[in-house]
C-alpha atoms as a PDB file:
ATOM      1  CA  UNK A   1      85.545 111.670  91.339  1.00  0.00           C
ATOM      2  CA  UNK A   2      84.848 113.318  94.381  1.00  0.00           C
ATOM      3  CA  UNK A   3      87.638 114.389  96.225  1.00  0.00           C
ATOM      4  CA  UNK A   4      85.787 113.691  99.687  1.00  0.00           C
ATOM      5  CA  UNK A   5      87.134 110.065  99.881  1.00  0.00           C
ATOM      6  CA  UNK A   6      86.825 108.586 103.021  1.00  0.00           C
ATOM      7  CA  UNK A   7      89.884 106.454 104.380  1.00  0.00           C
ATOM      8  CA  UNK A   8      88.321 103.190 103.557  1.00  0.00           C
ATOM      9  CA  UNK A   9      87.298 104.635  99.949  1.00  0.00           C
ATOM     10  CA  UNK A  10      83.467 105.570 101.112  1.00  0.00           C
ATOM     11  CA  UNK A  11      82.214 108.203  99.145  1.00  0.00           C
ATOM     12  CA  UNK A  12      81.730 110.790 101.528  1.00  0.00           C
ATOM     13  CA  UNK A  13      79.780 113.244  99.347  1.00  0.00           C
ATOM     14  CA  UNK A  14      77.281 110.864  98.583  1.00  0.00           C
ATOM     15  CA  UNK A  15      77.142 108.337 101.704  1.00  0.00           C
ATOM     16  CA  UNK A  16      73.786 108.518 103.458  1.00  0.00           C
ATOM     17  CA  UNK A  17      75.152 109.172 106.977  1.00  0.00           C
ATOM     18  CA  UNK A  18      77.181 112.139 105.769  1.00  0.00           C
ATOM     19  CA  UNK A  19      76.051 115.551 105.961  1.00  0.00           C
ATOM     20  CA  UNK A  20      76.185 116.406 102.041  1.00  0.00           C
ATOM     21  CA  UNK A  21      73.130 114.335 100.433  1.00  0.00           C
ATOM     22  CA  UNK A  22      70.781 115.888 103.038  1.00  0.00           C
ATOM     23  CA  UNK A  23      71.676 119.701 102.800  1.00  0.00           C
ATOM     24  CA  UNK A  24      68.581 121.409 101.216  1.00  0.00           C
ATOM     25  CA  UNK A  25      65.749 118.618 102.145  1.00  0.00           C
ATOM     26  CA  UNK A  26      63.096 119.319 104.045  1.00  0.00           C
ATOM     27  CA  UNK A  27      62.524 117.647 107.572  1.00  0.00           C
ATOM     28  CA  UNK A  28      59.633 115.424 105.248  1.00  0.00           C
ATOM     29  CA  UNK A  29      62.195 114.862 102.603  1.00  0.00           C
ATOM     30  CA  UNK A  30      64.791 113.876 104.563  1.00  0.00           C
ATOM     31  CA  UNK A  31      62.590 111.114 106.213  1.00  0.00           C
ATOM     32  CA  UNK A  32      61.561 109.586 103.082  1.00  0.00           C
ATOM     33  CA  UNK A  33      64.939 109.721 102.103  1.00  0.00           C
ATOM     34  CA  UNK A  34      66.109 107.522 105.353  1.00  0.00           C
ATOM     35  CA  UNK A  35      63.298 105.357 104.901  1.00  0.00           C
ATOM     36  CA  UNK A  36      64.482 104.608 101.568  1.00  0.00           C
ATOM     37  CA  UNK A  37      67.976 103.800 102.626  1.00  0.00           C
ATOM     38  CA  UNK A  38      66.719 101.214 105.336  1.00  0.00           C
ATOM     39  CA  UNK A  39      64.421  99.939 102.968  1.00  0.00           C
ATOM     40  CA  UNK A  40      67.608  99.173 100.464  1.00  0.00           C
ATOM     41  CA  UNK A  41      70.472  98.761 103.147  1.00  0.00           C
ATOM     42  CA  UNK A  42      68.656  97.636 106.069  1.00  0.00           C
ATOM     43  CA  UNK A  43      69.611 100.247 108.212  1.00  0.00           C
ATOM     44  CA  UNK A  44      68.937 104.047 108.632  1.00  0.00           C
ATOM     45  CA  UNK A  45      71.001 107.039 108.974  1.00  0.00           C
ATOM     46  CA  UNK A  46      70.846 108.552 111.945  1.00  0.00           C
ATOM     47  CA  UNK A  47      69.784 112.054 111.907  1.00  0.00           C
ATOM     48  CA  UNK A  48      73.211 113.977 113.234  1.00  0.00           C
ATOM     49  CA  UNK A  49      75.491 113.269 110.046  1.00  0.00           C
ATOM     50  CA  UNK A  50      78.797 111.809 110.213  1.00  0.00           C
ATOM     51  CA  UNK A  51      81.612 114.275 110.445  1.00  0.00           C
ATOM     52  CA  UNK A  52      83.410 112.421 108.008  1.00  0.00           C
ATOM     53  CA  UNK A  53      86.733 109.824 109.193  1.00  0.00           C
ATOM     54  CA  UNK A  54      88.863 112.934 108.208  1.00  0.00           C
ATOM     55  CA  UNK A  55      88.059 114.583 111.289  1.00  0.00           C
ATOM     56  CA  UNK A  56      90.936 114.002 113.597  1.00  0.00           C
ATOM     57  CA  UNK A  57      89.571 112.677 117.093  1.00  0.00           C
ATOM     58  CA  UNK A  58      90.450 116.200 118.846  1.00  0.00           C
ATOM     59  CA  UNK A  59      87.843 117.924 116.942  1.00  0.00           C
ATOM     60  CA  UNK A  60      85.216 115.196 117.335  1.00  0.00           C
ATOM     61  CA  UNK A  61      82.360 116.593 119.681  1.00  0.00           C
ATOM     62  CA  UNK A  62      81.874 113.966 122.793  1.00  0.00           C
ATOM     63  CA  UNK A  63      79.037 111.692 122.249  1.00  0.00           C
ATOM     64  CA  UNK A  64      79.352 112.167 118.757  1.00  0.00           C
ATOM     65  CA  UNK A  65      78.405 108.255 117.424  1.00  0.00           C
ATOM     66  CA  UNK A  66      80.447 108.864 113.404  1.00  0.00           C
ATOM     67  CA  UNK A  67      83.052 108.484 112.522  1.00  0.00           C
ATOM     68  CA  UNK A  68      83.647 105.601 114.578  1.00  0.00           C
ATOM     69  CA  UNK A  69      86.815 106.250 116.876  1.00  0.00           C
ATOM     70  CA  UNK A  70      87.413 102.518 117.170  1.00  0.00           C
ATOM     71  CA  UNK A  71      87.285 101.951 113.040  1.00  0.00           C
ATOM     72  CA  UNK A  72      90.346  99.604 112.662  1.00  0.00           C
ATOM     73  CA  UNK A  73      90.992 101.107 109.162  1.00  0.00           C
ATOM     74  CA  UNK A  74      90.609 104.657 110.310  1.00  0.00           C
ATOM     75  CA  UNK A  75      93.266 104.032 112.971  1.00  0.00           C
ATOM     76  CA  UNK A  76      95.809 101.799 110.470  1.00  0.00           C
ATOM     77  CA  UNK A  77      95.610 105.067 108.136  1.00  0.00           C
ATOM     78  CA  UNK A  78      96.256 107.491 110.623  1.00  0.00           C
ATOM     79  CA  UNK A  79      98.987 105.556 112.340  1.00  0.00           C
ATOM     80  CA  UNK A  80     100.495 105.228 108.837  1.00  0.00           C
ATOM     81  CA  UNK A  81     100.262 108.631 108.174  1.00  0.00           C
ATOM     82  CA  UNK A  82      98.805 108.335 104.652  1.00  0.00           C
ATOM     83  CA  UNK A  83      95.527 110.059 103.008  1.00  0.00           C
ATOM     84  CA  UNK A  84      93.853 106.288 102.656  1.00  0.00           C
ATOM     85  CA  UNK A  85      94.067 102.783 101.930  1.00  0.00           C
ATOM     86  CA  UNK A  86      95.473 103.142  98.526  1.00  0.00           C
ATOM     87  CA  UNK A  87      98.484 104.469  99.515  1.00  0.00           C
ATOM     88  CA  UNK A  88      99.521 101.340 101.528  1.00  0.00           C
ATOM     89  CA  UNK A  89     101.848  98.830 100.168  1.00  0.00           C
ATOM     90  CA  UNK A  90      99.501  95.901 101.719  1.00  0.00           C
ATOM     91  CA  UNK A  91      96.649  97.378  99.388  1.00  0.00           C
ATOM     92  CA  UNK A  92      93.772  95.781  99.510  1.00  0.00           C
ATOM     93  CA  UNK A  93      94.183  93.783 102.906  1.00  0.00           C
ATOM     94  CA  UNK A  94      91.728  91.689 104.145  1.00  0.00           C
ATOM     95  CA  UNK A  95      90.413  94.132 106.412  1.00  0.00           C
ATOM     96  CA  UNK A  96      89.758  96.104 103.922  1.00  0.00           C
ATOM     97  CA  UNK A  97      88.282  93.558 101.471  1.00  0.00           C
ATOM     98  CA  UNK A  98      86.033  92.893 104.399  1.00  0.00           C
ATOM     99  CA  UNK A  99      84.770  96.184 104.754  1.00  0.00           C
ATOM    100  CA  UNK A 100      84.084  97.242 101.089  1.00  0.00           C
ATOM    101  CA  UNK A 101      82.577  93.986 100.502  1.00  0.00           C
ATOM    102  CA  UNK A 102      79.757  94.263 102.858  1.00  0.00           C
ATOM    103  CA  UNK A 103      77.446  96.444 100.775  1.00  0.00           C
ATOM    104  CA  UNK A 104      77.516  96.030  96.749  1.00  0.00           C
ATOM    105  CA  UNK A 105      74.716  95.394  94.006  1.00  0.00           C
ATOM    106  CA  UNK A 106      75.064  91.780  93.845  1.00  0.00           C
ATOM    107  CA  UNK A 107      74.774  91.311  97.835  1.00  0.00           C
ATOM    108  CA  UNK A 108      71.637  93.559  98.128  1.00  0.00           C
ATOM    109  CA  UNK A 109      69.947  92.424  95.289  1.00  0.00           C
ATOM    110  CA  UNK A 110      70.418  89.129  96.430  1.00  0.00           C
ATOM    111  CA  UNK A 111      68.898  89.958 100.012  1.00  0.00           C
ATOM    112  CA  UNK A 112      66.069  92.171  98.345  1.00  0.00           C
ATOM    113  CA  UNK A 113      65.639  89.314  96.176  1.00  0.00           C
ATOM    114  CA  UNK A 114      64.943  92.214  93.218  1.00  0.00           C
ATOM    115  CA  UNK A 115      67.040  94.113  91.522  1.00  0.00           C
ATOM    116  CA  UNK A 116      67.215  97.897  92.352  1.00  0.00           C
ATOM    117  CA  UNK A 117      66.817 100.778  89.917  1.00  0.00           C
ATOM    118  CA  UNK A 118      69.975 102.958  88.676  1.00  0.00           C
ATOM    119  CA  UNK A 119      68.797 105.717  91.301  1.00  0.00           C
ATOM    120  CA  UNK A 120      68.882 103.403  94.065  1.00  0.00           C
ATOM    121  CA  UNK A 121      71.957 102.211  93.530  1.00  0.00           C
ATOM    122  CA  UNK A 122      73.943 105.530  92.943  1.00  0.00           C
ATOM    123  CA  UNK A 123      72.194 107.024  96.014  1.00  0.00           C
ATOM    124  CA  UNK A 124      72.356 104.238  98.504  1.00  0.00           C
ATOM    125  CA  UNK A 125      74.782 101.256  97.234  1.00  0.00           C
ATOM    126  CA  UNK A 126      77.608 103.141  95.013  1.00  0.00           C
ATOM    127  CA  UNK A 127      78.695 105.130  97.942  1.00  0.00           C
ATOM    128  CA  UNK A 128      80.201 102.135  99.725  1.00  0.00           C
ATOM    129  CA  UNK A 129      81.865 100.289  97.170  1.00  0.00           C
ATOM    130  CA  UNK A 130      85.189 102.105  98.268  1.00  0.00           C
ATOM    131  CA  UNK A 131      87.436  99.472  97.047  1.00  0.00           C
ATOM    132  CA  UNK A 132      86.511 100.454  93.350  1.00  0.00           C
ATOM    133  CA  UNK A 133      87.089 104.176  94.052  1.00  0.00           C
ATOM    134  CA  UNK A 134      90.740 103.455  95.962  1.00  0.00           C
ATOM    135  CA  UNK A 135      91.863 101.184  92.804  1.00  0.00           C
ATOM    136  CA  UNK A 136      91.414 104.208  90.751  1.00  0.00           C
ATOM    137  CA  UNK A 137      93.513 106.296  93.089  1.00  0.00           C
ATOM    138  CA  UNK A 138      96.253 103.673  93.288  1.00  0.00           C
ATOM    139  CA  UNK A 139      96.756 103.811  89.095  1.00  0.00           C
ATOM    140  CA  UNK A 140      97.471 107.662  89.790  1.00  0.00           C
ATOM    141  CA  UNK A 141      99.903 107.289  92.440  1.00  0.00           C
ATOM    142  CA  UNK A 142     103.803 107.152  91.993  1.00  0.00           C
ATOM    143  CA  UNK A 143     105.986 104.199  93.350  1.00  0.00           C
ATOM    144  CA  UNK A 144     107.457 106.774  95.670  1.00  0.00           C
ATOM    145  CA  UNK A 145     103.988 107.531  97.312  1.00  0.00           C
ATOM    146  CA  UNK A 146     102.979 104.109  98.259  1.00  0.00           C
ATOM    147  CA  UNK A 147     104.282 103.347 101.634  1.00  0.00           C
ATOM    148  CA  UNK A 148     104.505 100.384 104.104  1.00  0.00           C
ATOM    149  CA  UNK A 149     102.007 100.491 106.872  1.00  0.00           C
ATOM    150  CA  UNK A 150     102.363 101.009 110.408  1.00  0.00           C
ATOM    151  CA  UNK A 151     103.409  97.883 112.396  1.00  0.00           C
ATOM    152  CA  UNK A 152     101.631  96.564 115.417  1.00  0.00           C
ATOM    153  CA  UNK A 153     103.833  96.383 118.536  1.00  0.00           C
ATOM    154  CA  UNK A 154     103.821  92.392 118.831  1.00  0.00           C
ATOM    155  CA  UNK A 155     104.935  90.279 121.994  1.00  0.00           C
ATOM    156  CA  UNK A 156     105.637  86.412 121.939  1.00  0.00           C
ATOM    157  CA  UNK A 157     103.740  84.759 124.252  1.00  0.00           C
ATOM    158  CA  UNK A 158     105.050  82.588 126.743  1.00  0.00           C
ATOM    159  CA  UNK A 159     103.467  79.170 126.682  1.00  0.00           C
ATOM    160  CA  UNK A 160     104.151  76.552 129.309  1.00  0.00           C
ATOM    161  CA  UNK A 161     104.545  73.069 128.964  1.00  0.00           C
ATOM    162  CA  UNK A 162     101.776  70.621 130.069  1.00  0.00           C
ATOM    163  CA  UNK A 163     102.534  69.801 133.881  1.00  0.00           C
ATOM    164  CA  UNK A 164     103.860  66.154 134.671  1.00  0.00           C
ATOM    165  CA  UNK A 165     102.468  64.301 137.413  1.00  0.00           C
ATOM    166  CA  UNK A 166      99.223  65.883 138.025  1.00  0.00           C
ATOM    167  CA  UNK A 167      96.702  63.971 140.256  1.00  0.00           C
ATOM    168  CA  UNK A 168      94.431  62.748 137.568  1.00  0.00           C
ATOM    169  CA  UNK A 169      93.541  59.187 135.970  1.00  0.00           C
ATOM    170  CA  UNK A 170      95.087  58.425 132.617  1.00  0.00           C
ATOM    171  CA  UNK A 171      91.667  59.374 131.161  1.00  0.00           C
ATOM    172  CA  UNK A 172      91.341  62.680 132.954  1.00  0.00           C
ATOM    173  CA  UNK A 173      95.145  63.535 131.635  1.00  0.00           C
ATOM    174  CA  UNK A 174      94.167  62.706 128.113  1.00  0.00           C
ATOM    175  CA  UNK A 175      90.966  65.121 127.973  1.00  0.00           C
ATOM    176  CA  UNK A 176      93.123  67.423 129.653  1.00  0.00           C
ATOM    177  CA  UNK A 177      95.710  67.475 127.378  1.00  0.00           C
ATOM    178  CA  UNK A 178      93.466  67.561 124.159  1.00  0.00           C
ATOM    179  CA  UNK A 179      92.254  70.867 126.010  1.00  0.00           C
ATOM    180  CA  UNK A 180      96.194  72.362 126.179  1.00  0.00           C
ATOM    181  CA  UNK A 181      96.804  71.533 122.413  1.00  0.00           C
ATOM    182  CA  UNK A 182      93.469  73.383 121.434  1.00  0.00           C
ATOM    183  CA  UNK A 183      94.724  76.466 123.553  1.00  0.00           C
ATOM    184  CA  UNK A 184      98.435  76.021 122.174  1.00  0.00           C
ATOM    185  CA  UNK A 185      97.030  75.901 118.585  1.00  0.00           C
ATOM    186  CA  UNK A 186      94.810  79.087 119.273  1.00  0.00           C
ATOM    187  CA  UNK A 187      97.428  81.251 120.744  1.00  0.00           C
ATOM    188  CA  UNK A 188      99.738  80.442 118.154  1.00  0.00           C
ATOM    189  CA  UNK A 189      97.807  80.594 114.665  1.00  0.00           C
ATOM    190  CA  UNK A 190      96.967  83.484 112.726  1.00  0.00           C
ATOM    191  CA  UNK A 191      93.282  81.863 112.559  1.00  0.00           C
ATOM    192  CA  UNK A 192      92.994  82.433 108.929  1.00  0.00           C
ATOM    193  CA  UNK A 193      94.219  85.876 108.958  1.00  0.00           C
ATOM    194  CA  UNK A 194      96.853  87.121 106.753  1.00  0.00           C
ATOM    195  CA  UNK A 195      99.036  90.492 107.096  1.00  0.00           C
ATOM    196  CA  UNK A 196      98.708  90.287 110.913  1.00  0.00           C
ATOM    197  CA  UNK A 197     101.772  92.431 111.710  1.00  0.00           C
ATOM    198  CA  UNK A 198     100.105  95.597 110.313  1.00  0.00           C
ATOM    199  CA  UNK A 199      97.626  97.626 113.060  1.00  0.00           C
ATOM    200  CA  UNK A 200      94.270  96.694 111.925  1.00  0.00           C
ATOM    201  CA  UNK A 201      94.740  92.972 111.237  1.00  0.00           C
ATOM    202  CA  UNK A 202      96.668  92.408 114.556  1.00  0.00           C
ATOM    203  CA  UNK A 203      94.090  94.079 116.262  1.00  0.00           C
ATOM    204  CA  UNK A 204      91.304  91.788 114.500  1.00  0.00           C
ATOM    205  CA  UNK A 205      93.553  88.577 115.524  1.00  0.00           C
ATOM    206  CA  UNK A 206      93.475  89.649 119.038  1.00  0.00           C
ATOM    207  CA  UNK A 207      89.724  90.150 119.305  1.00  0.00           C
ATOM    208  CA  UNK A 208      89.320  86.821 117.006  1.00  0.00           C
ATOM    209  CA  UNK A 209      91.176  84.988 119.560  1.00  0.00           C
ATOM    210  CA  UNK A 210      89.610  86.193 122.556  1.00  0.00           C
ATOM    211  CA  UNK A 211      86.314  85.377 121.309  1.00  0.00           C
ATOM    212  CA  UNK A 212      87.835  81.541 120.359  1.00  0.00           C
ATOM    213  CA  UNK A 213      89.095  81.070 123.555  1.00  0.00           C
ATOM    214  CA  UNK A 214      85.615  82.455 125.587  1.00  0.00           C
ATOM    215  CA  UNK A 215      83.701  79.728 123.420  1.00  0.00           C
ATOM    216  CA  UNK A 216      86.105  77.101 124.037  1.00  0.00           C
ATOM    217  CA  UNK A 217      85.842  78.107 127.781  1.00  0.00           C
ATOM    218  CA  UNK A 218      82.083  77.544 127.805  1.00  0.00           C
ATOM    219  CA  UNK A 219      82.394  74.324 126.020  1.00  0.00           C
ATOM    220  CA  UNK A 220      84.753  73.407 128.757  1.00  0.00           C
ATOM    221  CA  UNK A 221      82.290  74.438 131.500  1.00  0.00           C
END
Protein backbone atom coordinates (compact mmCIF):
# COMPACT_ATOMS: atom_id res chain seq x y z
CA UNK A 1 0.00 0.00 0.00
CA UNK A 2 1.18 3.54 -0.79
CA UNK A 3 2.33 5.67 2.11
CA UNK A 4 0.83 8.70 0.36
CA UNK A 5 -2.63 8.35 1.86
CA UNK A 6 -4.77 11.45 2.23
CA UNK A 7 -6.55 12.13 5.51
CA UNK A 8 -9.77 10.69 4.07
CA UNK A 9 -7.96 7.66 2.60
CA UNK A 10 -7.57 8.79 -1.02
CA UNK A 11 -4.41 7.39 -2.60
CA UNK A 12 -2.47 10.57 -3.42
CA UNK A 13 0.09 8.57 -5.41
CA UNK A 14 -2.61 7.60 -7.94
CA UNK A 15 -5.15 10.46 -7.69
CA UNK A 16 -5.69 12.08 -11.13
CA UNK A 17 -5.70 15.50 -9.46
CA UNK A 18 -2.40 14.82 -7.69
CA UNK A 19 1.14 15.45 -8.92
CA UNK A 20 2.28 11.84 -9.26
CA UNK A 21 0.35 10.09 -12.10
CA UNK A 22 1.09 12.96 -14.50
CA UNK A 23 4.86 12.81 -13.96
CA UNK A 24 6.70 11.93 -17.17
CA UNK A 25 3.64 12.54 -19.39
CA UNK A 26 3.93 14.74 -22.42
CA UNK A 27 1.39 17.55 -22.78
CA UNK A 28 -0.52 15.45 -25.33
CA UNK A 29 -0.52 12.36 -23.09
CA UNK A 30 -1.72 14.37 -20.12
CA UNK A 31 -4.57 15.87 -22.16
CA UNK A 32 -5.72 12.36 -23.16
CA UNK A 33 -5.42 11.32 -19.52
CA UNK A 34 -7.59 14.28 -18.43
CA UNK A 35 -10.24 13.44 -21.04
CA UNK A 36 -10.31 9.79 -19.95
CA UNK A 37 -10.74 10.90 -16.34
CA UNK A 38 -13.67 13.10 -17.34
CA UNK A 39 -15.24 10.22 -19.29
CA UNK A 40 -15.12 7.96 -16.23
CA UNK A 41 -15.59 10.39 -13.33
CA UNK A 42 -17.46 13.24 -14.99
CA UNK A 43 -14.80 15.78 -14.03
CA UNK A 44 -11.54 16.80 -15.67
CA UNK A 45 -8.42 17.06 -13.48
CA UNK A 46 -7.06 20.59 -13.26
CA UNK A 47 -3.70 21.32 -14.86
CA UNK A 48 -2.16 22.63 -11.64
CA UNK A 49 -1.80 19.53 -9.42
CA UNK A 50 -3.11 19.25 -5.88
CA UNK A 51 -0.41 19.77 -3.26
CA UNK A 52 -2.05 16.93 -1.24
CA UNK A 53 -3.98 17.59 1.95
CA UNK A 54 -0.92 16.83 4.05
CA UNK A 55 0.42 20.25 3.10
CA UNK A 56 -0.21 22.72 5.97
CA UNK A 57 -2.37 25.76 5.16
CA UNK A 58 0.60 28.04 5.79
CA UNK A 59 2.50 26.36 2.95
CA UNK A 60 -0.32 26.49 0.38
CA UNK A 61 0.24 29.40 -2.05
CA UNK A 62 -2.56 31.95 -2.28
CA UNK A 63 -5.01 31.14 -5.07
CA UNK A 64 -4.23 27.41 -5.07
CA UNK A 65 -7.43 25.42 -5.64
CA UNK A 66 -6.31 22.09 -4.16
CA UNK A 67 -6.12 20.92 -1.46
CA UNK A 68 -9.44 22.36 -0.33
CA UNK A 69 -8.84 24.39 2.82
CA UNK A 70 -12.54 24.09 3.71
CA UNK A 71 -12.64 20.28 3.59
CA UNK A 72 -14.33 19.25 6.86
CA UNK A 73 -12.47 15.92 7.04
CA UNK A 74 -9.12 17.63 6.60
CA UNK A 75 -9.95 20.19 9.29
CA UNK A 76 -11.31 17.54 11.67
CA UNK A 77 -8.19 15.36 11.32
CA UNK A 78 -5.90 18.37 11.84
CA UNK A 79 -7.79 19.53 14.93
CA UNK A 80 -7.71 16.00 16.38
CA UNK A 81 -3.97 15.80 15.69
CA UNK A 82 -3.96 12.46 13.86
CA UNK A 83 -2.55 11.26 10.54
CA UNK A 84 -5.86 10.21 9.00
CA UNK A 85 -9.38 9.11 9.92
CA UNK A 86 -8.32 5.52 10.72
CA UNK A 87 -6.88 6.73 14.03
CA UNK A 88 -10.21 8.21 15.20
CA UNK A 89 -12.45 6.38 17.68
CA UNK A 90 -15.52 7.35 15.62
CA UNK A 91 -14.15 5.79 12.42
CA UNK A 92 -15.93 5.62 10.06
CA UNK A 93 -18.12 8.65 10.77
CA UNK A 94 -20.96 9.67 8.48
CA UNK A 95 -18.93 12.51 6.94
CA UNK A 96 -16.26 10.03 5.86
CA UNK A 97 -18.83 7.50 4.62
CA UNK A 98 -20.53 10.08 2.41
CA UNK A 99 -17.22 11.30 1.01
CA UNK A 100 -15.65 7.89 0.42
CA UNK A 101 -18.82 6.52 -1.17
CA UNK A 102 -19.06 9.24 -3.82
CA UNK A 103 -16.95 7.36 -6.38
CA UNK A 104 -16.74 3.58 -6.41
CA UNK A 105 -16.83 0.98 -9.16
CA UNK A 106 -20.49 0.09 -8.68
CA UNK A 107 -21.70 3.70 -8.85
CA UNK A 108 -19.47 4.64 -11.76
CA UNK A 109 -20.52 1.65 -13.85
CA UNK A 110 -24.18 2.29 -13.06
CA UNK A 111 -23.82 5.93 -14.12
CA UNK A 112 -22.00 5.01 -17.35
CA UNK A 113 -24.35 2.13 -18.13
CA UNK A 114 -21.51 -0.26 -18.92
CA UNK A 115 -18.52 -1.93 -17.19
CA UNK A 116 -15.17 -0.19 -17.04
CA UNK A 117 -11.89 -1.96 -17.73
CA UNK A 118 -9.48 -2.94 -14.97
CA UNK A 119 -7.06 -0.35 -16.29
CA UNK A 120 -9.71 2.39 -16.06
CA UNK A 121 -10.71 1.22 -12.59
CA UNK A 122 -7.14 1.27 -11.24
CA UNK A 123 -6.36 4.64 -12.85
CA UNK A 124 -9.50 6.62 -12.09
CA UNK A 125 -11.75 4.92 -9.51
CA UNK A 126 -9.68 2.87 -7.07
CA UNK A 127 -7.72 5.91 -5.79
CA UNK A 128 -10.98 7.33 -4.37
CA UNK A 129 -12.12 4.20 -2.52
CA UNK A 130 -10.46 5.62 0.55
CA UNK A 131 -12.47 3.92 3.26
CA UNK A 132 -11.11 0.52 2.17
CA UNK A 133 -7.57 1.86 2.47
CA UNK A 134 -8.28 3.28 5.92
CA UNK A 135 -9.77 -0.02 7.11
CA UNK A 136 -6.44 -1.67 6.35
CA UNK A 137 -4.62 1.03 8.32
CA UNK A 138 -7.05 0.56 11.19
CA UNK A 139 -6.26 -3.16 11.52
CA UNK A 140 -2.58 -2.30 12.04
CA UNK A 141 -3.18 0.13 14.91
CA UNK A 142 -2.76 -0.60 18.60
CA UNK A 143 -5.63 0.37 20.94
CA UNK A 144 -3.56 3.18 22.45
CA UNK A 145 -3.09 4.73 18.99
CA UNK A 146 -6.83 5.28 18.54
CA UNK A 147 -7.95 8.65 19.92
CA UNK A 148 -11.14 10.60 20.57
CA UNK A 149 -11.94 13.21 17.91
CA UNK A 150 -11.70 16.93 18.56
CA UNK A 151 -15.07 18.20 19.75
CA UNK A 152 -16.84 21.20 18.31
CA UNK A 153 -17.59 24.16 20.54
CA UNK A 154 -21.35 24.03 20.92
CA UNK A 155 -23.81 26.44 22.47
CA UNK A 156 -27.39 26.02 23.55
CA UNK A 157 -29.84 27.94 21.40
CA UNK A 158 -32.29 30.01 23.38
CA UNK A 159 -35.80 29.44 22.10
CA UNK A 160 -38.39 32.04 23.09
CA UNK A 161 -41.93 30.97 23.95
CA UNK A 162 -44.63 31.61 21.41
CA UNK A 163 -45.95 35.14 22.13
CA UNK A 164 -49.30 35.62 23.86
CA UNK A 165 -52.02 38.13 23.04
CA UNK A 166 -50.81 38.84 19.52
CA UNK A 167 -53.22 40.94 17.41
CA UNK A 168 -54.20 38.31 14.84
CA UNK A 169 -57.24 36.19 14.15
CA UNK A 170 -57.49 32.68 15.59
CA UNK A 171 -56.89 31.22 12.15
CA UNK A 172 -53.74 33.30 11.65
CA UNK A 173 -52.45 32.37 15.11
CA UNK A 174 -52.84 28.66 14.29
CA UNK A 175 -50.74 29.19 11.14
CA UNK A 176 -48.06 31.12 13.02
CA UNK A 177 -47.91 28.42 15.69
CA UNK A 178 -47.38 25.79 12.99
CA UNK A 179 -44.44 27.77 11.57
CA UNK A 180 -43.08 28.34 15.10
CA UNK A 181 -43.17 24.58 15.77
CA UNK A 182 -41.32 23.89 12.51
CA UNK A 183 -38.61 26.39 13.43
CA UNK A 184 -38.23 24.88 16.91
CA UNK A 185 -38.07 21.35 15.48
CA UNK A 186 -35.39 22.33 12.97
CA UNK A 187 -33.17 24.20 15.40
CA UNK A 188 -33.47 21.39 17.98
CA UNK A 189 -32.96 18.48 15.61
CA UNK A 190 -29.75 16.76 14.47
CA UNK A 191 -31.49 16.46 11.07
CA UNK A 192 -30.53 12.84 10.70
CA UNK A 193 -26.83 13.38 11.43
CA UNK A 194 -24.88 11.32 13.95
CA UNK A 195 -21.86 12.32 16.04
CA UNK A 196 -22.78 16.00 15.87
CA UNK A 197 -20.39 16.73 18.75
CA UNK A 198 -17.43 16.17 16.41
CA UNK A 199 -16.00 19.06 14.40
CA UNK A 200 -16.93 17.80 10.91
CA UNK A 201 -20.45 16.66 11.76
CA UNK A 202 -21.22 19.76 13.84
CA UNK A 203 -20.31 22.07 10.97
CA UNK A 204 -22.33 19.95 8.57
CA UNK A 205 -25.32 20.22 10.94
CA UNK A 206 -25.00 24.01 11.13
CA UNK A 207 -24.92 24.26 7.32
CA UNK A 208 -27.82 21.85 6.90
CA UNK A 209 -29.97 23.73 9.40
CA UNK A 210 -29.23 26.99 7.60
CA UNK A 211 -30.35 25.53 4.26
CA UNK A 212 -33.56 24.11 5.75
CA UNK A 213 -34.38 27.41 7.47
CA UNK A 214 -33.80 29.36 4.23
CA UNK A 215 -36.05 26.95 2.35
CA UNK A 216 -38.75 27.36 5.00
CA UNK A 217 -38.38 31.14 4.77
CA UNK A 218 -38.86 31.01 0.98
CA UNK A 219 -42.00 28.92 1.38
CA UNK A 220 -43.27 31.29 4.04
CA UNK A 221 -42.74 34.28 1.79
